[in-house]
Each structure stands twice: as C-alpha cells, then as structure tokens.
Amino acid sequence: MASFTTRRCVVPVVFALALAFAGTAAAQERGIGKACPETGDTAPQLAMNIDSAAPILAGTRVKLTASGKSSTGDALEYMWHADRGRIFGRGASVEFDTTGLGPGNYDVVVLGRGHKCGTARLVKTIEIVGCPPGIQLTASNTQVNAGEVVTVSASGVPEGFGLRWSTTEGRLTETGGGVTIDTAGIAADSITVSAASTDVANCTSQLTIAVVKPPVALPDILTFPMAGGRLNNANKAVLDDVTIRGAQDVGSRIVITGKSTAKERAGLAKLRAENARNYLVSEKGVDPSRIEIRTQERTATEGGIEIAVVPPGATLP
C-alpha cells in the first residue's frame, strides 16, 4: 500500500486541469466524466495498492487498486492514466497491461474526487523487468527413440506471460502447459526445443533432446554362378530362398545384378538378371515394382547372379 500527501483543491489551475482531463474520452471511459464546479472543500486522502511483487515482468498485467474517502466521508470517483502501457477497467480497481513495454520505470496516475469535488492526485512508479530469471524447460525424457513423442513444459513462468514454442525438427503440438513433439521421421540425432517470450526481446530458453536411431539393417546378399543364361534347379532354389526372405518384410527391395566375364558374350549379364526377375514375378508372385535390375557386362571375375534383399533404411552401393 502506497500513499502520498494530498493537496487542497482550491487553486483554479488544478480544477482546470482536472476538468480538462475529465472531459476527455479517456477520462469518461475510466471513471470521471462530469463537470465539477470549484467548491473549495478539503482534498481527500488517497492511496494505491499494487497486487504484485516488484519488479513486474514485461508482458503481464498488474492489478491496481485505489482507496480513499473525501473529507465528508463519501466514497471517491477514480480516474486512471498511464503515458505508456494500457489501463483496462474503471473504478477503484483496474489492470495495467505491460505488453510491449521494455524494461524500465513507468508511472501510473490515479485521480480521486469526492462528492463535492475535492480532488487528489497520486502517482505510482512501476518497475518493469524483462525475462523471468527462473524460466526453465524440462522434458519427459531428454533421450528418446526415434518415433516417440516427448513432452516439454516451462517452469518459472508467471501467469499471463506468453511463450512462442519452436523445434528444430519433429511435429510440435501445443498443450495447456507446454508442447508435445513427435520425433517420427526426423533425420537429426538431436532436436532443440525453444520457448521465446511473445513480448520481451531476447527472452528465450532452450532444451536439447537426444534422438536414438534404430540400427540400420544391412542388405542380405546371395550369389550363385551360371554357365549360361538359363536357370537350373539349383539357381531356382536360391531364388526360392530370396522369395522367403523378401516376404519377411514387404517393404524391402530386391536388387538383381547379372554378371558376365570378359570371355562371355555381350548381353549375357542382362539376360541372366531378366531370367531371375521373371522367375520371381511369374513363378513366385513377387511384385515387380520391388525388383531392380543391374548388370556387370563382361567385367565380373565370375559369371552369374548376385541378389540383394535390401530392407527399409539400408543402402546398397
């Protein structure tokens, strides 16, 4: 509770100022909106209370309450004013909105007037600071497996202090007390989550979360030599094994590489690969879109077929 010495409303200049202020739209909106003749009665006692611990964070609203009585015991009418920031409400209790204000000191003025026009003016200086000193981000887990959802929340943030969330990767969804981040499909080994003030410049807190990727599967490679271009029963048995392995993961690719040596005729490597593909498609029902053909025409050390079953996430040179 803060109070200041008041003065008698007997000087015409004071009444002229009060009447001029009272006649504005801002004055009418905030409490004193009628003309008041000079009466010379005693100015009321006036006090103002700030319902917040000092200092106050930029971007928040502060409740201000005025109190006092006229010399005759009547309740007062109140008018509020601030050169910076905004006043919301009217009467004895209002809110001072600090949105957009930088750190510093700001004056809020309240004018109290009794029934017989005795008037008192009180100025309260409010200190505004920037970033909350105790703001901190915490996660449900700081190391997650790729594909998991992690929850991040902020502590040390006063009520009404707005935050803007972001993440370097992952799908972010805001919740009541923070955010959730879906790590499915991310490429990085870690993500950085940030919470920045919507009102205070350079007020940001960050948290890094490690993302553990599953081990990359290696291609399963089978080879068999061939004397010519036709498949024999031994070759078909190997291809039957390929069919079984490929069926274990329908997302895998099958890469067939036909090989021929320098002593063999041109086109033989391609013929071997095509015969192997045709067998898998027509005899074993493998989807042809899963099959890729490669050739090593007359450059291999041994003629035949090399087949790689490549699971999702694996690469084949």
Protein backbone atom coordinates (compact mmCIF):
# COMPACT_ATOMS: atom_id res chain seq x y z
CA MET A 1 0.00 0.00 0.00
CA ALA A 2 1.48 3.34 -1.01
CA SER A 3 0.16 6.80 -0.06
CA PHE A 4 1.26 10.33 -0.79
CA THR A 5 0.45 13.73 0.72
CA THR A 6 -2.61 15.27 -0.91
CA ARG A 7 -3.40 18.89 -1.57
CA ARG A 8 -6.46 21.07 -1.30
CA CYS A 9 -8.44 21.61 -4.45
CA VAL A 10 -8.66 25.42 -4.08
CA VAL A 11 -6.40 26.63 -6.90
CA PRO A 12 -8.27 27.30 -10.14
CA VAL A 13 -5.39 25.86 -12.23
CA VAL A 14 -5.77 22.46 -10.52
CA PHE A 15 -9.51 22.43 -11.17
CA ALA A 16 -8.95 23.48 -14.75
CA LEU A 17 -6.56 20.56 -15.28
CA ALA A 18 -8.91 18.07 -13.63
CA LEU A 19 -11.89 19.36 -15.59
CA ALA A 20 -9.96 19.25 -18.85
CA PHE A 21 -8.86 15.65 -18.19
CA ALA A 22 -12.36 14.70 -17.06
CA GLY A 23 -13.80 15.97 -20.30
CA THR A 24 -11.72 13.67 -22.50
CA ALA A 25 -12.97 10.35 -23.86
CA ALA A 26 -10.23 8.56 -21.87
CA ALA A 27 -11.39 10.14 -18.63
CA GLN A 28 -15.02 9.27 -19.25
CA GLU A 29 -14.01 5.69 -20.01
CA ARG A 30 -12.06 5.37 -16.77
CA GLY A 31 -14.35 6.92 -14.23
CA ILE A 32 -14.82 10.72 -14.01
CA GLY A 33 -16.95 12.10 -16.75
CA LYS A 34 -18.98 15.05 -15.43
CA ALA A 35 -18.19 18.71 -14.97
CA CYS A 36 -17.33 19.72 -11.42
CA PRO A 37 -17.51 23.29 -10.11
CA GLU A 38 -14.88 24.66 -7.77
CA THR A 39 -16.13 24.28 -4.20
CA GLY A 40 -13.01 24.69 -2.11
CA ASP A 41 -13.69 21.60 0.02
CA THR A 42 -10.82 19.62 1.53
CA ALA A 43 -8.97 17.22 -0.79
CA PRO A 44 -9.49 13.52 0.06
CA GLN A 45 -6.87 11.11 1.31
CA LEU A 46 -5.82 8.75 -1.49
CA ALA A 47 -3.78 5.54 -1.64
CA MET A 48 -2.88 2.97 -4.30
CA ASN A 49 -2.04 -0.71 -3.88
CA ILE A 50 -0.23 -2.91 -6.43
CA ASP A 51 -1.33 -6.55 -6.32
CA SER A 52 2.02 -7.94 -7.46
CA ALA A 53 5.50 -8.42 -6.11
CA ALA A 54 8.08 -5.99 -7.52
CA PRO A 55 9.66 -6.00 -10.03
CA ILE A 56 6.99 -6.84 -12.61
CA LEU A 57 7.63 -8.81 -15.78
CA ALA A 58 7.03 -7.18 -19.15
CA GLY A 59 4.06 -8.68 -20.96
CA THR A 60 1.99 -9.27 -17.83
CA ARG A 61 -0.99 -7.42 -16.35
CA VAL A 62 -0.82 -5.79 -12.95
CA LYS A 63 -3.88 -5.21 -10.78
CA LEU A 64 -4.02 -1.71 -9.26
CA THR A 65 -6.47 -0.75 -6.51
CA ALA A 66 -7.14 2.76 -5.27
CA SER A 67 -8.73 3.58 -1.92
CA GLY A 68 -9.70 6.73 -0.05
CA LYS A 69 -12.51 8.88 1.30
CA SER A 70 -13.46 12.50 0.96
CA SER A 71 -13.35 14.91 3.88
CA THR A 72 -17.06 14.30 4.35
CA GLY A 73 -16.68 10.50 4.39
CA ASP A 74 -18.07 9.96 0.91
CA ALA A 75 -16.70 7.34 -1.48
CA LEU A 76 -14.47 8.63 -4.26
CA GLU A 77 -14.71 8.54 -8.00
CA TYR A 78 -11.49 7.48 -9.75
CA MET A 79 -9.76 8.30 -13.00
CA TRP A 80 -6.62 6.46 -14.19
CA HIS A 81 -3.90 7.42 -16.64
CA ALA A 82 -0.61 5.98 -17.96
CA ASP A 83 1.61 7.55 -20.62
CA ARG A 84 2.92 4.08 -21.58
CA GLY A 85 1.10 0.77 -21.37
CA ARG A 86 -2.68 0.46 -21.21
CA ILE A 87 -5.25 0.72 -18.44
CA PHE A 88 -8.13 -1.79 -18.50
CA GLY A 89 -11.18 -1.36 -16.33
CA ARG A 90 -12.65 1.52 -14.36
CA GLY A 91 -13.49 2.48 -10.82
CA ALA A 92 -11.36 1.64 -7.80
CA SER A 93 -9.71 -1.44 -9.37
CA VAL A 94 -8.07 -1.62 -12.81
CA GLU A 95 -5.36 -3.57 -14.63
CA PHE A 96 -2.18 -2.07 -16.05
CA ASP A 97 -1.14 -4.02 -19.18
CA THR A 98 2.65 -4.03 -19.74
CA THR A 99 2.53 -5.67 -23.19
CA GLY A 100 5.08 -4.07 -25.48
CA LEU A 101 6.95 -2.27 -22.71
CA GLY A 102 10.68 -2.73 -22.36
CA PRO A 103 12.46 -2.93 -19.01
CA GLY A 104 12.29 0.37 -17.10
CA ASN A 105 10.16 2.51 -14.76
CA TYR A 106 6.65 3.62 -15.72
CA ASP A 107 4.28 5.99 -13.92
CA VAL A 108 0.60 5.27 -13.36
CA VAL A 109 -1.59 8.17 -12.19
CA VAL A 110 -4.87 7.93 -10.30
CA LEU A 111 -7.12 10.93 -9.68
CA GLY A 112 -9.66 10.61 -6.85
CA ARG A 113 -12.58 13.01 -6.43
CA GLY A 114 -15.13 13.32 -3.67
CA HIS A 115 -18.83 14.07 -3.97
CA LYS A 116 -18.20 17.79 -3.50
CA CYS A 117 -15.31 17.81 -5.98
CA GLY A 118 -12.39 17.68 -3.58
CA THR A 119 -9.65 16.14 -5.73
CA ALA A 120 -6.37 14.34 -5.03
CA ARG A 121 -3.77 13.01 -7.45
CA LEU A 122 -1.40 10.10 -6.79
CA VAL A 123 1.48 8.80 -8.92
CA LYS A 124 2.90 5.30 -8.56
CA THR A 125 6.12 4.26 -10.32
CA ILE A 126 6.12 0.64 -11.50
CA GLU A 127 9.36 -1.14 -12.31
CA ILE A 128 9.20 -3.44 -15.34
CA VAL A 129 11.86 -6.09 -15.93
CA GLY A 130 12.48 -8.34 -18.93
CA CYS A 131 12.99 -12.09 -18.97
CA PRO A 132 11.90 -14.16 -15.94
CA PRO A 133 15.17 -15.11 -14.19
CA GLY A 134 13.96 -18.61 -13.30
CA ILE A 135 12.45 -19.74 -16.61
CA GLN A 136 13.47 -23.32 -17.42
CA LEU A 137 12.38 -26.03 -19.85
CA THR A 138 12.00 -29.65 -18.75
CA ALA A 139 11.22 -32.75 -20.82
CA SER A 140 9.53 -36.02 -20.01
CA ASN A 141 12.73 -37.62 -21.33
CA THR A 142 15.91 -36.00 -22.65
CA GLN A 143 16.78 -39.10 -24.69
CA VAL A 144 14.10 -40.74 -26.81
CA ASN A 145 13.93 -43.36 -29.52
CA ALA A 146 13.10 -42.07 -32.98
CA GLY A 147 9.32 -42.13 -33.41
CA GLU A 148 8.49 -41.49 -29.76
CA VAL A 149 6.57 -38.46 -28.52
CA VAL A 150 8.25 -36.26 -25.91
CA THR A 151 6.52 -33.67 -23.69
CA VAL A 152 8.25 -30.37 -22.86
CA SER A 153 6.99 -27.84 -20.29
CA ALA A 154 8.20 -24.50 -18.94
CA SER A 155 8.64 -23.63 -15.26
CA GLY A 156 9.36 -20.30 -13.62
CA VAL A 157 6.91 -18.53 -15.93
CA PRO A 158 4.43 -16.14 -14.27
CA GLU A 159 0.76 -16.32 -15.08
CA GLY A 160 -0.10 -14.46 -18.26
CA PHE A 161 3.47 -14.49 -19.60
CA GLY A 162 3.14 -15.60 -23.23
CA LEU A 163 5.55 -18.08 -24.84
CA ARG A 164 6.12 -18.95 -28.50
CA TRP A 165 7.37 -22.53 -28.98
CA SER A 166 9.54 -23.98 -31.76
CA THR A 167 11.61 -27.08 -32.51
CA THR A 168 14.43 -27.73 -34.97
CA GLU A 169 12.77 -30.96 -36.14
CA GLY A 170 9.68 -33.04 -35.40
CA ARG A 171 5.98 -32.23 -35.29
CA LEU A 172 5.17 -29.80 -32.47
CA THR A 173 1.74 -29.56 -30.83
CA GLU A 174 0.99 -27.00 -28.12
CA THR A 175 -0.78 -28.16 -24.97
CA GLY A 176 -2.08 -26.28 -21.97
CA GLY A 177 1.21 -26.35 -20.07
CA GLY A 178 3.76 -26.76 -22.86
CA VAL A 179 4.19 -28.80 -26.04
CA THR A 180 4.48 -32.36 -27.33
CA ILE A 181 6.93 -33.25 -30.11
CA ASP A 182 6.56 -36.28 -32.35
CA THR A 183 10.04 -37.43 -33.42
CA ALA A 184 8.86 -39.78 -36.17
CA GLY A 185 10.82 -39.43 -39.39
CA ILE A 186 13.43 -36.92 -38.19
CA ALA A 187 16.93 -37.12 -39.66
CA ALA A 188 18.97 -35.46 -36.89
CA ASP A 189 20.47 -37.16 -33.86
CA SER A 190 19.05 -34.45 -31.58
CA ILE A 191 16.43 -31.71 -31.56
CA THR A 192 16.45 -28.34 -29.85
CA VAL A 193 13.20 -27.06 -28.36
CA SER A 194 12.87 -23.32 -27.72
CA ALA A 195 10.37 -21.18 -25.83
CA ALA A 196 10.58 -17.45 -26.54
CA SER A 197 8.63 -14.64 -24.91
CA THR A 198 5.95 -13.16 -27.13
CA ASP A 199 6.54 -9.71 -25.58
CA VAL A 200 10.14 -9.45 -24.33
CA ALA A 201 13.01 -9.34 -26.82
CA ASN A 202 15.87 -11.83 -26.38
CA CYS A 203 13.98 -13.81 -23.75
CA THR A 204 14.42 -17.44 -24.79
CA SER A 205 15.01 -20.77 -23.06
CA GLN A 206 16.19 -23.90 -24.88
CA LEU A 207 16.44 -27.62 -24.27
CA THR A 208 18.25 -30.27 -26.34
CA ILE A 209 16.79 -33.77 -26.62
CA ALA A 210 18.85 -36.68 -27.96
CA VAL A 211 17.14 -38.92 -30.51
CA VAL A 212 18.36 -42.52 -30.73
CA LYS A 213 18.03 -44.05 -34.17
CA PRO A 214 17.49 -47.80 -34.68
CA PRO A 215 20.49 -49.65 -36.11
CA VAL A 216 20.50 -49.63 -39.89
CA ALA A 217 19.83 -53.06 -41.34
CA LEU A 218 22.31 -54.40 -43.89
CA PRO A 219 21.30 -55.93 -47.20
CA ASP A 220 21.05 -59.72 -47.32
CA ILE A 221 23.15 -60.78 -50.34
CA LEU A 222 23.02 -64.17 -52.15
CA THR A 223 25.10 -65.21 -55.14
CA PHE A 224 25.24 -68.17 -57.50
CA PRO A 225 27.34 -68.87 -60.61
CA MET A 226 25.82 -69.63 -64.00
CA ALA A 227 27.35 -71.30 -67.03
CA GLY A 228 24.78 -69.90 -69.46
CA GLY A 229 21.70 -67.72 -69.33
CA ARG A 230 19.07 -70.27 -68.32
CA LEU A 231 18.17 -71.01 -64.69
CA ASN A 232 18.75 -74.54 -63.45
CA ASN A 233 17.10 -76.12 -60.42
CA ALA A 234 19.92 -75.05 -58.10
CA ASN A 235 19.52 -71.47 -59.26
CA LYS A 236 15.75 -71.64 -58.71
CA ALA A 237 16.29 -72.98 -55.17
CA VAL A 238 18.33 -69.86 -54.35
CA LEU A 239 15.60 -67.65 -55.81
CA ASP A 240 13.02 -69.51 -53.72
CA ASP A 241 15.08 -68.52 -50.66
CA VAL A 242 15.05 -64.90 -51.87
CA THR A 243 11.27 -65.07 -52.05
CA ILE A 244 11.06 -66.24 -48.43
CA ARG A 245 13.42 -63.54 -47.18
CA GLY A 246 11.65 -60.82 -49.14
CA ALA A 247 8.28 -61.90 -47.79
CA GLN A 248 9.51 -61.27 -44.24
CA ASP A 249 9.45 -57.52 -44.95
CA VAL A 250 7.24 -56.43 -47.83
CA GLY A 251 8.90 -53.01 -47.64
CA SER A 252 12.25 -54.43 -48.74
CA ARG A 253 13.68 -54.07 -52.26
CA ILE A 254 15.20 -56.88 -54.31
CA VAL A 255 18.21 -55.87 -56.40
CA ILE A 256 19.27 -58.45 -59.04
CA THR A 257 22.70 -57.96 -60.59
CA GLY A 258 23.54 -60.05 -63.64
CA LYS A 259 27.28 -60.61 -64.13
CA SER A 260 29.40 -61.80 -67.01
CA THR A 261 33.14 -62.17 -67.58
CA ALA A 262 35.22 -60.73 -70.37
CA LYS A 263 35.26 -64.13 -72.09
CA GLU A 264 31.46 -64.39 -72.21
CA ARG A 265 29.23 -62.95 -74.92
CA ALA A 266 27.74 -59.49 -74.74
CA GLY A 267 24.23 -59.21 -73.26
CA LEU A 268 24.59 -62.36 -71.19
CA ALA A 269 24.67 -60.48 -67.87
CA LYS A 270 21.38 -58.71 -68.68
CA LEU A 271 19.78 -61.97 -69.81
CA ARG A 272 20.69 -63.67 -66.53
CA ALA A 273 19.20 -60.83 -64.47
CA GLU A 274 15.99 -60.74 -66.53
CA ASN A 275 15.51 -64.52 -66.25
CA ALA A 276 15.89 -64.29 -62.46
CA ARG A 277 13.38 -61.43 -62.27
CA ASN A 278 10.87 -63.22 -64.47
CA TYR A 279 11.05 -66.31 -62.28
CA LEU A 280 10.39 -64.29 -59.10
CA VAL A 281 7.46 -62.45 -60.70
CA SER A 282 5.75 -65.21 -62.68
CA GLU A 283 6.52 -68.24 -60.52
CA LYS A 284 6.68 -66.72 -57.03
CA GLY A 285 4.30 -63.77 -57.30
CA VAL A 286 6.77 -61.08 -56.26
CA ASP A 287 5.59 -57.54 -57.03
CA PRO A 288 7.76 -56.37 -59.98
CA SER A 289 7.89 -52.83 -58.55
CA ARG A 290 10.06 -54.18 -55.73
CA ILE A 291 12.69 -55.52 -58.13
CA GLU A 292 15.62 -53.55 -59.56
CA ILE A 293 17.92 -54.95 -62.26
CA ARG A 294 21.60 -54.09 -62.55
CA THR A 295 24.30 -55.51 -64.83
CA GLN A 296 28.06 -56.00 -64.87
CA GLU A 297 28.57 -56.83 -68.51
CA ARG A 298 31.89 -58.62 -69.20
CA THR A 299 33.59 -57.02 -66.17
CA ALA A 300 32.97 -59.58 -63.42
CA THR A 301 35.51 -62.14 -62.27
CA GLU A 302 32.80 -64.81 -62.32
CA GLY A 303 29.61 -65.02 -64.31
CA GLY A 304 26.30 -65.49 -62.53
CA ILE A 305 23.75 -63.69 -60.37
CA GLU A 306 24.02 -61.56 -57.23
CA ILE A 307 20.76 -60.84 -55.37
CA ALA A 308 20.43 -58.35 -52.51
CA VAL A 309 17.36 -58.12 -50.30
CA VAL A 310 17.53 -54.51 -49.08
CA PRO A 311 15.34 -53.68 -46.06
CA PRO A 312 13.95 -50.17 -45.49
CA GLY A 313 16.68 -47.84 -44.24
CA ALA A 314 19.52 -49.92 -45.74
CA THR A 315 21.52 -48.80 -48.74
CA LEU A 316 23.23 -50.72 -51.47
CA PRO A 317 26.17 -49.11 -53.35
